[in-house]
Amino acid sequence: VPYGTDSDGMNILGLVLFAMVFGVALRKLGEEGEELIRFFNAFNEATMVLV
């Protein structure tokens, strides 16, 4: 039985939590955060075209 297989790799829960907190913070910024939200939306669309 390999040792440490459950603890190796990315911390997905931490990544999801960070993304949620970052999204809430951007929404609370209001108009100032809207530019960054548009950037991430455009980045997502470009990634979908590539995939």
PDB file of N, CA and C in Angstrom:
ATOM      1  N   VAL A   1       0.860  -1.178   0.000  1.00  0.00           N
ATOM      2  CA  VAL A   1       0.000   0.000   0.000  1.00  0.00           C
ATOM      3  C   VAL A   1       0.899   1.232   0.000  1.00  0.00           C
ATOM      4  N   PRO A   2       0.784   2.084  -1.025  1.00  0.00           N
ATOM      5  CA  PRO A   2       1.604   3.301  -1.069  1.00  0.00           C
ATOM      6  C   PRO A   2       1.265   4.236   0.089  1.00  0.00           C
ATOM      7  N   TYR A   3       2.282   4.859   0.611  1.00  0.00           N
ATOM      8  CA  TYR A   3       2.105   5.773   1.737  1.00  0.00           C
ATOM      9  C   TYR A   3       1.936   7.204   1.226  1.00  0.00           C
ATOM     10  N   GLY A   4       0.978   7.933   1.774  1.00  0.00           N
ATOM     11  CA  GLY A   4       0.824   9.352   1.471  1.00  0.00           C
ATOM     12  C   GLY A   4       0.093   9.657   0.186  1.00  0.00           C
ATOM     13  N   THR A   5      -0.585   8.700  -0.403  1.00  0.00           N
ATOM     14  CA  THR A   5      -1.258   8.972  -1.672  1.00  0.00           C
ATOM     15  C   THR A   5      -2.436   9.921  -1.504  1.00  0.00           C
ATOM     16  N   ASP A   6      -3.076   9.922  -0.344  1.00  0.00           N
ATOM     17  CA  ASP A   6      -4.212  10.818  -0.124  1.00  0.00           C
ATOM     18  C   ASP A   6      -3.779  12.253   0.134  1.00  0.00           C
ATOM     19  N   SER A   7      -2.564  12.465   0.601  1.00  0.00           N
ATOM     20  CA  SER A   7      -2.129  13.815   0.941  1.00  0.00           C
ATOM     21  C   SER A   7      -1.330  14.477  -0.175  1.00  0.00           C
ATOM     22  N   ASP A   8      -0.909  13.726  -1.171  1.00  0.00           N
ATOM     23  CA  ASP A   8      -0.140  14.307  -2.267  1.00  0.00           C
ATOM     24  C   ASP A   8      -1.062  14.973  -3.282  1.00  0.00           C
ATOM     25  N   GLY A   9      -0.543  15.943  -3.997  1.00  0.00           N
ATOM     26  CA  GLY A   9      -1.310  16.595  -5.053  1.00  0.00           C
ATOM     27  C   GLY A   9      -1.838  17.948  -4.630  1.00  0.00           C
ATOM     28  N   MET A  10      -2.731  18.465  -5.462  1.00  0.00           N
ATOM     29  CA  MET A  10      -3.280  19.795  -5.229  1.00  0.00           C
ATOM     30  C   MET A  10      -4.299  19.789  -4.100  1.00  0.00           C
ATOM     31  N   ASN A  11      -4.399  20.923  -3.445  1.00  0.00           N
ATOM     32  CA  ASN A  11      -5.403  21.117  -2.413  1.00  0.00           C
ATOM     33  C   ASN A  11      -6.637  21.715  -3.082  1.00  0.00           C
ATOM     34  N   ILE A  12      -7.502  20.861  -3.607  1.00  0.00           N
ATOM     35  CA  ILE A  12      -8.658  21.306  -4.378  1.00  0.00           C
ATOM     36  C   ILE A  12      -9.631  22.096  -3.514  1.00  0.00           C
ATOM     37  N   LEU A  13      -9.843  21.653  -2.286  1.00  0.00           N
ATOM     38  CA  LEU A  13     -10.764  22.362  -1.399  1.00  0.00           C
ATOM     39  C   LEU A  13     -10.282  23.789  -1.148  1.00  0.00           C
ATOM     40  N   GLY A  14      -8.998  23.963  -0.943  1.00  0.00           N
ATOM     41  CA  GLY A  14      -8.435  25.299  -0.751  1.00  0.00           C
ATOM     42  C   GLY A  14      -8.598  26.164  -1.987  1.00  0.00           C
ATOM     43  N   LEU A  15      -8.426  25.568  -3.151  1.00  0.00           N
ATOM     44  CA  LEU A  15      -8.580  26.300  -4.402  1.00  0.00           C
ATOM     45  C   LEU A  15     -10.018  26.753  -4.610  1.00  0.00           C
ATOM     46  N   VAL A  16     -10.970  25.875  -4.328  1.00  0.00           N
ATOM     47  CA  VAL A  16     -12.388  26.222  -4.469  1.00  0.00           C
ATOM     48  C   VAL A  16     -12.768  27.311  -3.478  1.00  0.00           C
ATOM     49  N   LEU A  17     -12.307  27.191  -2.239  1.00  0.00           N
ATOM     50  CA  LEU A  17     -12.611  28.200  -1.223  1.00  0.00           C
ATOM     51  C   LEU A  17     -12.028  29.553  -1.607  1.00  0.00           C
ATOM     52  N   PHE A  18     -10.783  29.562  -2.103  1.00  0.00           N
ATOM     53  CA  PHE A  18     -10.165  30.812  -2.538  1.00  0.00           C
ATOM     54  C   PHE A  18     -10.962  31.442  -3.669  1.00  0.00           C
ATOM     55  N   ALA A  19     -11.383  30.645  -4.643  1.00  0.00           N
ATOM     56  CA  ALA A  19     -12.140  31.167  -5.780  1.00  0.00           C
ATOM     57  C   ALA A  19     -13.463  31.775  -5.328  1.00  0.00           C
ATOM     58  N   MET A  20     -14.119  31.136  -4.376  1.00  0.00           N
ATOM     59  CA  MET A  20     -15.393  31.661  -3.884  1.00  0.00           C
ATOM     60  C   MET A  20     -15.194  32.976  -3.131  1.00  0.00           C
ATOM     61  N   VAL A  21     -14.195  33.033  -2.268  1.00  0.00           N
ATOM     62  CA  VAL A  21     -13.927  34.261  -1.507  1.00  0.00           C
ATOM     63  C   VAL A  21     -13.503  35.380  -2.451  1.00  0.00           C
ATOM     64  N   PHE A  22     -12.698  35.058  -3.459  1.00  0.00           N
ATOM     65  CA  PHE A  22     -12.256  36.055  -4.431  1.00  0.00           C
ATOM     66  C   PHE A  22     -13.444  36.595  -5.225  1.00  0.00           C
ATOM     67  N   GLY A  23     -14.363  35.723  -5.609  1.00  0.00           N
ATOM     68  CA  GLY A  23     -15.560  36.150  -6.334  1.00  0.00           C
ATOM     69  C   GLY A  23     -16.440  37.055  -5.500  1.00  0.00           C
ATOM     70  N   VAL A  24     -16.618  36.723  -4.227  1.00  0.00           N
ATOM     71  CA  VAL A  24     -17.418  37.570  -3.335  1.00  0.00           C
ATOM     72  C   VAL A  24     -16.749  38.928  -3.164  1.00  0.00           C
ATOM     73  N   ALA A  25     -15.431  38.932  -3.019  1.00  0.00           N
ATOM     74  CA  ALA A  25     -14.708  40.194  -2.861  1.00  0.00           C
ATOM     75  C   ALA A  25     -14.843  41.061  -4.112  1.00  0.00           C
ATOM     76  N   LEU A  26     -14.780  40.448  -5.293  1.00  0.00           N
ATOM     77  CA  LEU A  26     -14.942  41.217  -6.531  1.00  0.00           C
ATOM     78  C   LEU A  26     -16.337  41.812  -6.628  1.00  0.00           C
ATOM     79  N   ARG A  27     -17.344  41.071  -6.227  1.00  0.00           N
ATOM     80  CA  ARG A  27     -18.721  41.582  -6.261  1.00  0.00           C
ATOM     81  C   ARG A  27     -18.905  42.738  -5.288  1.00  0.00           C
ATOM     82  N   LYS A  28     -18.249  42.664  -4.133  1.00  0.00           N
ATOM     83  CA  LYS A  28     -18.376  43.727  -3.140  1.00  0.00           C
ATOM     84  C   LYS A  28     -17.688  45.010  -3.598  1.00  0.00           C
ATOM     85  N   LEU A  29     -16.715  44.889  -4.504  1.00  0.00           N
ATOM     86  CA  LEU A  29     -16.042  46.075  -5.029  1.00  0.00           C
ATOM     87  C   LEU A  29     -16.961  46.893  -5.924  1.00  0.00           C
ATOM     88  N   GLY A  30     -17.996  46.271  -6.421  1.00  0.00           N
ATOM     89  CA  GLY A  30     -18.957  46.987  -7.261  1.00  0.00           C
ATOM     90  C   GLY A  30     -18.390  47.285  -8.634  1.00  0.00           C
ATOM     91  N   GLU A  31     -18.475  48.547  -9.033  1.00  0.00           N
ATOM     92  CA  GLU A  31     -18.044  48.959 -10.374  1.00  0.00           C
ATOM     93  C   GLU A  31     -16.550  48.737 -10.591  1.00  0.00           C
ATOM     94  N   GLU A  32     -15.756  48.913  -9.553  1.00  0.00           N
ATOM     95  CA  GLU A  32     -14.306  48.724  -9.685  1.00  0.00           C
ATOM     96  C   GLU A  32     -13.952  47.264  -9.976  1.00  0.00           C
ATOM     97  N   GLY A  33     -14.691  46.343  -9.398  1.00  0.00           N
ATOM     98  CA  GLY A  33     -14.430  44.930  -9.624  1.00  0.00           C
ATOM     99  C   GLY A  33     -15.006  44.419 -10.927  1.00  0.00           C
ATOM    100  N   GLU A  34     -15.888  45.206 -11.531  1.00  0.00           N
ATOM    101  CA  GLU A  34     -16.562  44.782 -12.766  1.00  0.00           C
ATOM    102  C   GLU A  34     -15.566  44.592 -13.915  1.00  0.00           C
ATOM    103  N   GLU A  35     -14.522  45.420 -13.985  1.00  0.00           N
ATOM    104  CA  GLU A  35     -13.518  45.276 -15.049  1.00  0.00           C
ATOM    105  C   GLU A  35     -12.797  43.937 -14.940  1.00  0.00           C
ATOM    106  N   LEU A  36     -12.440  43.553 -13.723  1.00  0.00           N
ATOM    107  CA  LEU A  36     -11.748  42.285 -13.526  1.00  0.00           C
ATOM    108  C   LEU A  36     -12.675  41.108 -13.811  1.00  0.00           C
ATOM    109  N   ILE A  37     -13.942  41.247 -13.466  1.00  0.00           N
ATOM    110  CA  ILE A  37     -14.917  40.196 -13.763  1.00  0.00           C
ATOM    111  C   ILE A  37     -15.062  40.038 -15.274  1.00  0.00           C
ATOM    112  N   ARG A  38     -15.115  41.150 -16.009  1.00  0.00           N
ATOM    113  CA  ARG A  38     -15.194  41.076 -17.476  1.00  0.00           C
ATOM    114  C   ARG A  38     -13.946  40.422 -18.061  1.00  0.00           C
ATOM    115  N   PHE A  39     -12.781  40.728 -17.481  1.00  0.00           N
ATOM    116  CA  PHE A  39     -11.539  40.109 -17.943  1.00  0.00           C
ATOM    117  C   PHE A  39     -11.594  38.593 -17.776  1.00  0.00           C
ATOM    118  N   PHE A  40     -12.012  38.135 -16.592  1.00  0.00           N
ATOM    119  CA  PHE A  40     -12.075  36.693 -16.353  1.00  0.00           C
ATOM    120  C   PHE A  40     -13.118  36.028 -17.240  1.00  0.00           C
ATOM    121  N   ASN A  41     -14.215  36.706 -17.522  1.00  0.00           N
ATOM    122  CA  ASN A  41     -15.217  36.156 -18.440  1.00  0.00           C
ATOM    123  C   ASN A  41     -14.649  36.023 -19.848  1.00  0.00           C
ATOM    124  N   ALA A  42     -13.908  37.032 -20.298  1.00  0.00           N
ATOM    125  CA  ALA A  42     -13.286  36.972 -21.620  1.00  0.00           C
ATOM    126  C   ALA A  42     -12.230  35.869 -21.670  1.00  0.00           C
ATOM    127  N   PHE A  43     -11.466  35.737 -20.608  1.00  0.00           N
ATOM    128  CA  PHE A  43     -10.461  34.678 -20.530  1.00  0.00           C
ATOM    129  C   PHE A  43     -11.124  33.305 -20.591  1.00  0.00           C
ATOM    130  N   ASN A  44     -12.245  33.161 -19.913  1.00  0.00           N
ATOM    131  CA  ASN A  44     -12.994  31.903 -19.939  1.00  0.00           C
ATOM    132  C   ASN A  44     -13.497  31.600 -21.345  1.00  0.00           C
ATOM    133  N   GLU A  45     -14.031  32.595 -22.031  1.00  0.00           N
ATOM    134  CA  GLU A  45     -14.522  32.386 -23.399  1.00  0.00           C
ATOM    135  C   GLU A  45     -13.383  31.983 -24.333  1.00  0.00           C
ATOM    136  N   ALA A  46     -12.227  32.630 -24.202  1.00  0.00           N
ATOM    137  CA  ALA A  46     -11.081  32.284 -25.042  1.00  0.00           C
ATOM    138  C   ALA A  46     -10.616  30.856 -24.764  1.00  0.00           C
ATOM    139  N   THR A  47     -10.621  30.460 -23.512  1.00  0.00           N
ATOM    140  CA  THR A  47     -10.231  29.098 -23.155  1.00  0.00           C
ATOM    141  C   THR A  47     -11.204  28.086 -23.739  1.00  0.00           C
ATOM    142  N   MET A  48     -12.489  28.401 -23.712  1.00  0.00           N
ATOM    143  CA  MET A  48     -13.490  27.488 -24.270  1.00  0.00           C
ATOM    144  C   MET A  48     -13.315  27.335 -25.781  1.00  0.00           C
ATOM    145  N   VAL A  49     -12.918  28.398 -26.459  1.00  0.00           N
ATOM    146  CA  VAL A  49     -12.675  28.312 -27.905  1.00  0.00           C
ATOM    147  C   VAL A  49     -11.482  27.398 -28.170  1.00  0.00           C
ATOM    148  N   LEU A  50     -10.445  27.513 -27.355  1.00  0.00           N
ATOM    149  CA  LEU A  50      -9.259  26.679 -27.542  1.00  0.00           C
ATOM    150  C   LEU A  50      -9.539  25.212 -27.243  1.00  0.00           C
ATOM    151  N   VAL A  51     -10.384  24.970 -26.281  1.00  0.00           N
ATOM    152  CA  VAL A  51     -10.682  23.581 -25.903  1.00  0.00           C
ATOM    153  C   VAL A  51     -11.649  22.999 -26.903  1.00  0.00           C
TER     154      VAL A  51
END
